[in-house]
Amino acid sequence: MSYQHKGRRQNDTPRIDTSGINFSEITKELFDSIAERCAKSVAAAKSKHNKPTQLRRFYDEVVMWENKVNTYPDKFSEYLPFIRMLNAKVAYAKGRDLVDDNYVTLLSHCLSQVNTAQDMRVFKLFIEAFMGFYKVERPSG
């Protein structure tokens, strides 16, 4: 269920554009304009989806895993299956109408790039930047 192309869905919410999110080649735009663009796309669904509190739960889990990886980098390969399990957790949240396709796509795209401890750090930093911009776009749930 990956939407990586610009366009429209049935509810007329623009699909998220994940281009430029590349953890192996960090650009000056990654934590700035790209994170802001993604935050605006996810915030465009001004409905019951993507409430800041819900997204914060996923961010907190990303931070928790990044802390574990940072503390025990030699265990990264053991942690990776559980890190990637975030895909299942966000799918479950989607099934409960707590997040929308754009957020599922964003997390899936990011998680697919987490292959090393360094990638995990960049993922955490990207989601941190995303959350900062998201708070401006959608200050309350």
N, C-alpha and C. Protein backbone atom coordinates (compact mmCIF):
# COMPACT_ATOMS: atom_id res chain seq x y z
N MET A 1 0.84 -1.17 0.00
CA MET A 1 0.00 0.00 0.00
C MET A 1 0.89 1.24 0.00
N SER A 2 1.68 1.37 -0.99
CA SER A 2 2.62 2.49 -1.04
C SER A 2 2.18 3.49 -2.09
N TYR A 3 2.01 4.73 -1.66
CA TYR A 3 1.65 5.81 -2.55
C TYR A 3 2.84 6.75 -2.64
N GLN A 4 3.66 6.60 -3.65
CA GLN A 4 4.84 7.43 -3.76
C GLN A 4 4.75 8.40 -4.92
N HIS A 5 3.60 8.51 -5.48
CA HIS A 5 3.43 9.41 -6.63
C HIS A 5 2.45 10.51 -6.27
N LYS A 6 2.65 11.65 -6.87
CA LYS A 6 1.71 12.75 -6.64
C LYS A 6 0.40 12.41 -7.33
N GLY A 7 -0.68 12.90 -6.80
CA GLY A 7 -1.98 12.66 -7.40
C GLY A 7 -3.09 12.85 -6.40
N ARG A 8 -4.26 12.37 -6.75
CA ARG A 8 -5.43 12.52 -5.89
C ARG A 8 -6.05 11.15 -5.62
N ARG A 9 -6.64 11.02 -4.45
CA ARG A 9 -7.42 9.84 -4.09
C ARG A 9 -8.88 10.23 -4.12
N GLN A 10 -9.72 9.27 -3.81
CA GLN A 10 -11.16 9.52 -3.84
C GLN A 10 -11.58 10.68 -2.95
N ASN A 11 -11.00 10.81 -1.77
CA ASN A 11 -11.42 11.88 -0.86
C ASN A 11 -10.73 13.20 -1.19
N ASP A 12 -10.03 13.26 -2.31
CA ASP A 12 -9.40 14.47 -2.82
C ASP A 12 -8.24 14.97 -1.96
N THR A 13 -7.73 14.12 -1.07
CA THR A 13 -6.53 14.47 -0.31
C THR A 13 -5.33 14.13 -1.17
N PRO A 14 -4.42 15.07 -1.38
CA PRO A 14 -3.25 14.77 -2.21
C PRO A 14 -2.43 13.64 -1.62
N ARG A 15 -1.91 12.80 -2.48
CA ARG A 15 -1.02 11.73 -2.03
C ARG A 15 0.30 12.34 -1.61
N ILE A 16 0.88 11.75 -0.61
CA ILE A 16 2.15 12.24 -0.09
C ILE A 16 3.26 11.99 -1.11
N ASP A 17 4.13 12.93 -1.22
CA ASP A 17 5.29 12.84 -2.11
C ASP A 17 6.51 12.50 -1.24
N THR A 18 6.99 11.28 -1.34
CA THR A 18 8.12 10.84 -0.52
C THR A 18 9.46 11.01 -1.25
N SER A 19 9.43 11.64 -2.40
CA SER A 19 10.69 11.84 -3.12
C SER A 19 11.61 12.72 -2.28
N GLY A 20 12.87 12.42 -2.33
CA GLY A 20 13.85 13.18 -1.56
C GLY A 20 14.13 12.61 -0.18
N ILE A 21 13.30 11.67 0.26
CA ILE A 21 13.56 11.03 1.55
C ILE A 21 14.50 9.86 1.28
N ASN A 22 15.77 10.12 1.49
CA ASN A 22 16.81 9.12 1.22
C ASN A 22 17.81 9.18 2.37
N PHE A 23 17.80 8.14 3.18
CA PHE A 23 18.63 8.13 4.38
C PHE A 23 20.10 7.86 4.09
N SER A 24 20.41 7.34 2.92
CA SER A 24 21.82 7.07 2.60
C SER A 24 22.52 8.28 2.00
N GLU A 25 21.76 9.25 1.52
CA GLU A 25 22.32 10.49 0.98
C GLU A 25 21.58 11.66 1.61
N ILE A 26 22.05 12.09 2.77
CA ILE A 26 21.38 13.16 3.51
C ILE A 26 21.65 14.49 2.83
N THR A 27 20.57 15.15 2.46
CA THR A 27 20.68 16.46 1.82
C THR A 27 20.31 17.54 2.83
N LYS A 28 20.63 18.77 2.50
CA LYS A 28 20.28 19.89 3.39
C LYS A 28 18.77 20.07 3.48
N GLU A 29 18.01 19.54 2.54
CA GLU A 29 16.56 19.69 2.53
C GLU A 29 15.84 18.62 3.36
N LEU A 30 16.52 17.52 3.67
CA LEU A 30 15.84 16.38 4.29
C LEU A 30 15.10 16.75 5.57
N PHE A 31 15.78 17.42 6.49
CA PHE A 31 15.18 17.76 7.78
C PHE A 31 14.48 19.12 7.74
N ASP A 32 14.44 19.73 6.57
CA ASP A 32 13.85 21.06 6.43
C ASP A 32 12.67 21.00 5.47
N SER A 33 12.86 21.34 4.23
CA SER A 33 11.74 21.47 3.30
C SER A 33 11.06 20.13 3.01
N ILE A 34 11.80 19.05 2.99
CA ILE A 34 11.17 17.74 2.72
C ILE A 34 10.32 17.32 3.91
N ALA A 35 10.84 17.47 5.13
CA ALA A 35 10.06 17.14 6.33
C ALA A 35 8.82 18.04 6.41
N GLU A 36 8.98 19.31 6.07
CA GLU A 36 7.84 20.23 6.10
C GLU A 36 6.80 19.85 5.05
N ARG A 37 7.23 19.51 3.85
CA ARG A 37 6.29 19.09 2.79
C ARG A 37 5.50 17.86 3.24
N CYS A 38 6.18 16.90 3.85
CA CYS A 38 5.51 15.69 4.32
C CYS A 38 4.52 16.02 5.43
N ALA A 39 4.91 16.89 6.34
CA ALA A 39 4.01 17.29 7.43
C ALA A 39 2.75 17.94 6.88
N LYS A 40 2.91 18.78 5.89
CA LYS A 40 1.74 19.44 5.29
C LYS A 40 0.83 18.42 4.61
N SER A 41 1.41 17.43 3.94
CA SER A 41 0.60 16.40 3.28
C SER A 41 -0.18 15.58 4.29
N VAL A 42 0.47 15.19 5.36
CA VAL A 42 -0.21 14.38 6.37
C VAL A 42 -1.25 15.21 7.11
N ALA A 43 -0.97 16.48 7.34
CA ALA A 43 -1.91 17.36 8.03
C ALA A 43 -3.10 17.75 7.16
N ALA A 44 -3.01 17.53 5.86
CA ALA A 44 -4.10 17.93 4.95
C ALA A 44 -5.40 17.21 5.26
N ALA A 45 -5.32 16.04 5.87
CA ALA A 45 -6.52 15.30 6.26
C ALA A 45 -7.01 15.87 7.59
N LYS A 46 -7.77 16.93 7.53
CA LYS A 46 -8.25 17.63 8.74
C LYS A 46 -9.47 16.92 9.31
N SER A 47 -9.34 15.63 9.50
CA SER A 47 -10.45 14.83 10.04
C SER A 47 -10.00 14.16 11.32
N LYS A 48 -10.62 13.05 11.61
CA LYS A 48 -10.26 12.31 12.82
C LYS A 48 -8.92 11.60 12.66
N HIS A 49 -8.38 11.58 11.46
CA HIS A 49 -7.10 10.92 11.21
C HIS A 49 -5.92 11.78 11.63
N ASN A 50 -4.82 11.11 11.92
CA ASN A 50 -3.52 11.76 12.12
C ASN A 50 -3.51 12.80 13.23
N LYS A 51 -4.18 12.51 14.31
CA LYS A 51 -4.14 13.44 15.44
C LYS A 51 -2.72 13.47 16.00
N PRO A 52 -2.26 14.64 16.42
CA PRO A 52 -0.90 14.75 16.93
C PRO A 52 -0.56 13.74 18.03
N THR A 53 -1.52 13.46 18.90
CA THR A 53 -1.27 12.50 19.97
C THR A 53 -0.98 11.11 19.42
N GLN A 54 -1.71 10.71 18.39
CA GLN A 54 -1.50 9.40 17.77
C GLN A 54 -0.13 9.34 17.10
N LEU A 55 0.21 10.38 16.34
CA LEU A 55 1.50 10.39 15.65
C LEU A 55 2.64 10.44 16.66
N ARG A 56 2.42 11.10 17.77
CA ARG A 56 3.45 11.19 18.81
C ARG A 56 3.77 9.80 19.37
N ARG A 57 2.77 8.94 19.44
CA ARG A 57 3.01 7.57 19.93
C ARG A 57 3.98 6.83 19.02
N PHE A 58 3.82 6.99 17.72
CA PHE A 58 4.75 6.35 16.79
C PHE A 58 6.14 6.98 16.91
N TYR A 59 6.18 8.30 17.01
CA TYR A 59 7.46 8.98 17.17
C TYR A 59 8.17 8.49 18.44
N ASP A 60 7.44 8.36 19.53
CA ASP A 60 8.04 7.88 20.79
C ASP A 60 8.63 6.49 20.62
N GLU A 61 7.97 5.64 19.86
CA GLU A 61 8.51 4.30 19.64
C GLU A 61 9.77 4.35 18.78
N VAL A 62 9.79 5.21 17.78
CA VAL A 62 10.99 5.39 16.96
C VAL A 62 12.15 5.84 17.84
N VAL A 63 11.89 6.80 18.73
CA VAL A 63 12.93 7.30 19.64
C VAL A 63 13.43 6.18 20.54
N MET A 64 12.51 5.38 21.06
CA MET A 64 12.89 4.27 21.93
C MET A 64 13.83 3.30 21.20
N TRP A 65 13.48 2.94 19.97
CA TRP A 65 14.32 2.01 19.21
C TRP A 65 15.65 2.65 18.84
N GLU A 66 15.64 3.92 18.50
CA GLU A 66 16.90 4.58 18.16
C GLU A 66 17.82 4.63 19.38
N ASN A 67 17.25 4.85 20.57
CA ASN A 67 18.05 4.84 21.79
C ASN A 67 18.67 3.46 22.04
N LYS A 68 17.89 2.41 21.82
CA LYS A 68 18.42 1.05 21.99
C LYS A 68 19.54 0.78 21.00
N VAL A 69 19.31 1.17 19.75
CA VAL A 69 20.33 0.96 18.70
C VAL A 69 21.58 1.76 19.02
N ASN A 70 21.41 2.97 19.49
CA ASN A 70 22.54 3.82 19.83
C ASN A 70 23.33 3.24 21.01
N THR A 71 22.63 2.68 21.96
CA THR A 71 23.27 2.10 23.14
C THR A 71 23.95 0.77 22.82
N TYR A 72 23.32 -0.05 22.00
CA TYR A 72 23.85 -1.37 21.65
C TYR A 72 23.88 -1.56 20.13
N PRO A 73 24.75 -0.83 19.43
CA PRO A 73 24.77 -0.91 17.96
C PRO A 73 25.05 -2.32 17.43
N ASP A 74 25.74 -3.13 18.20
CA ASP A 74 26.05 -4.49 17.76
C ASP A 74 24.78 -5.38 17.75
N LYS A 75 23.71 -4.92 18.38
CA LYS A 75 22.45 -5.69 18.39
C LYS A 75 21.46 -5.20 17.34
N PHE A 76 21.91 -4.32 16.45
CA PHE A 76 20.99 -3.74 15.46
C PHE A 76 20.24 -4.82 14.68
N SER A 77 20.94 -5.85 14.23
CA SER A 77 20.27 -6.89 13.43
C SER A 77 19.20 -7.62 14.23
N GLU A 78 19.37 -7.70 15.55
CA GLU A 78 18.34 -8.31 16.40
C GLU A 78 17.14 -7.38 16.55
N TYR A 79 17.40 -6.08 16.56
CA TYR A 79 16.33 -5.10 16.74
C TYR A 79 15.54 -4.84 15.45
N LEU A 80 16.18 -5.01 14.31
CA LEU A 80 15.55 -4.62 13.05
C LEU A 80 14.16 -5.22 12.81
N PRO A 81 13.95 -6.51 13.07
CA PRO A 81 12.58 -7.03 12.87
C PRO A 81 11.53 -6.30 13.71
N PHE A 82 11.91 -5.90 14.91
CA PHE A 82 10.97 -5.21 15.80
C PHE A 82 10.78 -3.75 15.37
N ILE A 83 11.84 -3.17 14.82
CA ILE A 83 11.73 -1.82 14.27
C ILE A 83 10.78 -1.84 13.07
N ARG A 84 10.97 -2.82 12.19
CA ARG A 84 10.11 -2.92 11.00
C ARG A 84 8.67 -3.28 11.37
N MET A 85 8.48 -3.82 12.57
CA MET A 85 7.13 -4.14 13.03
C MET A 85 6.27 -2.89 13.17
N LEU A 86 6.91 -1.73 13.16
CA LEU A 86 6.15 -0.47 13.14
C LEU A 86 5.20 -0.43 11.94
N ASN A 87 5.57 -1.07 10.84
CA ASN A 87 4.67 -1.14 9.68
C ASN A 87 3.35 -1.79 10.07
N ALA A 88 3.42 -2.88 10.82
CA ALA A 88 2.20 -3.58 11.25
C ALA A 88 1.41 -2.71 12.22
N LYS A 89 2.10 -2.01 13.10
CA LYS A 89 1.42 -1.17 14.08
C LYS A 89 0.72 0.01 13.40
N VAL A 90 1.36 0.59 12.40
CA VAL A 90 0.71 1.71 11.71
C VAL A 90 -0.43 1.19 10.83
N ALA A 91 -0.30 -0.02 10.31
CA ALA A 91 -1.40 -0.61 9.54
C ALA A 91 -2.61 -0.86 10.45
N TYR A 92 -2.35 -1.31 11.65
CA TYR A 92 -3.42 -1.52 12.63
C TYR A 92 -4.10 -0.18 12.95
N ALA A 93 -3.30 0.86 13.15
CA ALA A 93 -3.86 2.19 13.41
C ALA A 93 -4.70 2.66 12.22
N LYS A 94 -4.26 2.35 11.02
CA LYS A 94 -5.02 2.70 9.81
C LYS A 94 -6.35 1.95 9.81
N GLY A 95 -6.30 0.68 10.17
CA GLY A 95 -7.52 -0.12 10.23
C GLY A 95 -8.52 0.40 11.25
N ARG A 96 -8.05 1.09 12.26
CA ARG A 96 -8.91 1.69 13.28
C ARG A 96 -9.25 3.14 12.96
N ASP A 97 -8.89 3.60 11.76
CA ASP A 97 -9.16 4.97 11.30
C ASP A 97 -8.47 6.03 12.15
N LEU A 98 -7.28 5.70 12.68
CA LEU A 98 -6.54 6.66 13.48
C LEU A 98 -5.51 7.42 12.65
N VAL A 99 -5.04 6.79 11.59
CA VAL A 99 -4.11 7.43 10.66
C VAL A 99 -4.62 7.18 9.24
N ASP A 100 -4.13 7.96 8.29
CA ASP A 100 -4.58 7.80 6.91
C ASP A 100 -3.48 7.18 6.04
N ASP A 101 -3.79 7.02 4.77
CA ASP A 101 -2.84 6.42 3.82
C ASP A 101 -1.53 7.19 3.74
N ASN A 102 -1.60 8.51 3.81
CA ASN A 102 -0.38 9.31 3.71
C ASN A 102 0.60 8.99 4.83
N TYR A 103 0.10 8.86 6.04
CA TYR A 103 0.99 8.55 7.16
C TYR A 103 1.54 7.12 7.04
N VAL A 104 0.69 6.19 6.63
CA VAL A 104 1.13 4.81 6.41
C VAL A 104 2.24 4.79 5.37
N THR A 105 2.04 5.50 4.28
CA THR A 105 3.03 5.56 3.20
C THR A 105 4.33 6.17 3.68
N LEU A 106 4.24 7.26 4.43
CA LEU A 106 5.44 7.92 4.93
C LEU A 106 6.25 6.98 5.81
N LEU A 107 5.61 6.35 6.79
CA LEU A 107 6.35 5.46 7.68
C LEU A 107 6.90 4.26 6.93
N SER A 108 6.11 3.70 6.04
CA SER A 108 6.57 2.54 5.27
C SER A 108 7.79 2.90 4.42
N HIS A 109 7.74 4.04 3.78
CA HIS A 109 8.86 4.48 2.95
C HIS A 109 10.11 4.66 3.80
N CYS A 110 9.96 5.29 4.95
CA CYS A 110 11.10 5.52 5.83
C CYS A 110 11.65 4.21 6.39
N LEU A 111 10.77 3.35 6.87
CA LEU A 111 11.21 2.09 7.46
C LEU A 111 11.92 1.20 6.45
N SER A 112 11.53 1.28 5.19
CA SER A 112 12.18 0.46 4.16
C SER A 112 13.65 0.84 3.97
N GLN A 113 14.01 2.03 4.41
CA GLN A 113 15.39 2.51 4.26
C GLN A 113 16.25 2.25 5.49
N VAL A 114 15.66 1.76 6.55
CA VAL A 114 16.42 1.51 7.77
C VAL A 114 17.09 0.14 7.65
N ASN A 115 18.39 0.18 7.34
CA ASN A 115 19.18 -1.04 7.17
C ASN A 115 20.43 -1.06 8.04
N THR A 116 20.74 0.07 8.66
CA THR A 116 21.93 0.18 9.52
C THR A 116 21.58 1.03 10.73
N ALA A 117 22.47 1.02 11.71
CA ALA A 117 22.28 1.87 12.89
C ALA A 117 22.26 3.34 12.49
N GLN A 118 23.09 3.71 11.54
CA GLN A 118 23.12 5.10 11.05
C GLN A 118 21.79 5.47 10.39
N ASP A 119 21.21 4.56 9.61
CA ASP A 119 19.90 4.80 9.01
C ASP A 119 18.85 5.04 10.08
N MET A 120 18.94 4.28 11.17
CA MET A 120 17.97 4.43 12.26
C MET A 120 18.08 5.82 12.87
N ARG A 121 19.29 6.31 13.01
CA ARG A 121 19.50 7.66 13.56
C ARG A 121 18.90 8.71 12.62
N VAL A 122 19.13 8.56 11.33
CA VAL A 122 18.58 9.51 10.36
C VAL A 122 17.05 9.44 10.34
N PHE A 123 16.51 8.23 10.43
CA PHE A 123 15.06 8.04 10.49
C PHE A 123 14.49 8.80 11.68
N LYS A 124 15.11 8.63 12.84
CA LYS A 124 14.64 9.32 14.05
C LYS A 124 14.70 10.84 13.86
N LEU A 125 15.79 11.33 13.30
CA LEU A 125 15.92 12.77 13.09
C LEU A 125 14.90 13.29 12.08
N PHE A 126 14.64 12.50 11.04
CA PHE A 126 13.64 12.92 10.05
C PHE A 126 12.25 13.00 10.69
N ILE A 127 11.88 11.96 11.45
CA ILE A 127 10.56 11.96 12.08
C ILE A 127 10.47 13.08 13.12
N GLU A 128 11.57 13.39 13.78
CA GLU A 128 11.59 14.50 14.72
C GLU A 128 11.32 15.82 14.00
N ALA A 129 11.97 16.02 12.86
CA ALA A 129 11.74 17.24 12.07
C ALA A 129 10.30 17.27 11.56
N PHE A 130 9.82 16.13 11.06
CA PHE A 130 8.45 16.01 10.59
C PHE A 130 7.47 16.42 11.70
N MET A 131 7.68 15.90 12.92
CA MET A 131 6.78 16.19 14.03
C MET A 131 6.80 17.68 14.38
N GLY A 132 7.96 18.31 14.30
CA GLY A 132 8.03 19.75 14.56
C GLY A 132 7.18 20.53 13.58
N PHE A 133 7.31 20.21 12.30
CA PHE A 133 6.51 20.90 11.28
C PHE A 133 5.03 20.52 11.41
N TYR A 134 4.77 19.28 11.77
CA TYR A 134 3.38 18.82 11.92
C TYR A 134 2.67 19.60 13.01
N LYS A 135 3.38 19.87 14.08
CA LYS A 135 2.80 20.62 15.21
C LYS A 135 2.35 22.01 14.77
N VAL A 136 3.08 22.61 13.82
CA VAL A 136 2.69 23.92 13.30
C VAL A 136 1.44 23.78 12.43
N GLU A 137 1.39 22.73 11.63
CA GLU A 137 0.25 22.52 10.72
C GLU A 137 -1.01 22.10 11.45
N ARG A 138 -0.83 21.33 12.51
CA ARG A 138 -1.97 20.80 13.25
C ARG A 138 -1.65 20.85 14.74
N PRO A 139 -1.80 22.01 15.35
CA PRO A 139 -1.36 22.21 16.72
C PRO A 139 -2.07 21.35 17.77
N SER A 140 -3.31 20.96 17.52
CA SER A 140 -4.00 20.13 18.50
C SER A 140 -4.79 19.04 17.80
N GLY A 141 -5.10 18.02 18.56
CA GLY A 141 -5.80 16.87 18.01
C GLY A 141 -7.26 17.10 17.92
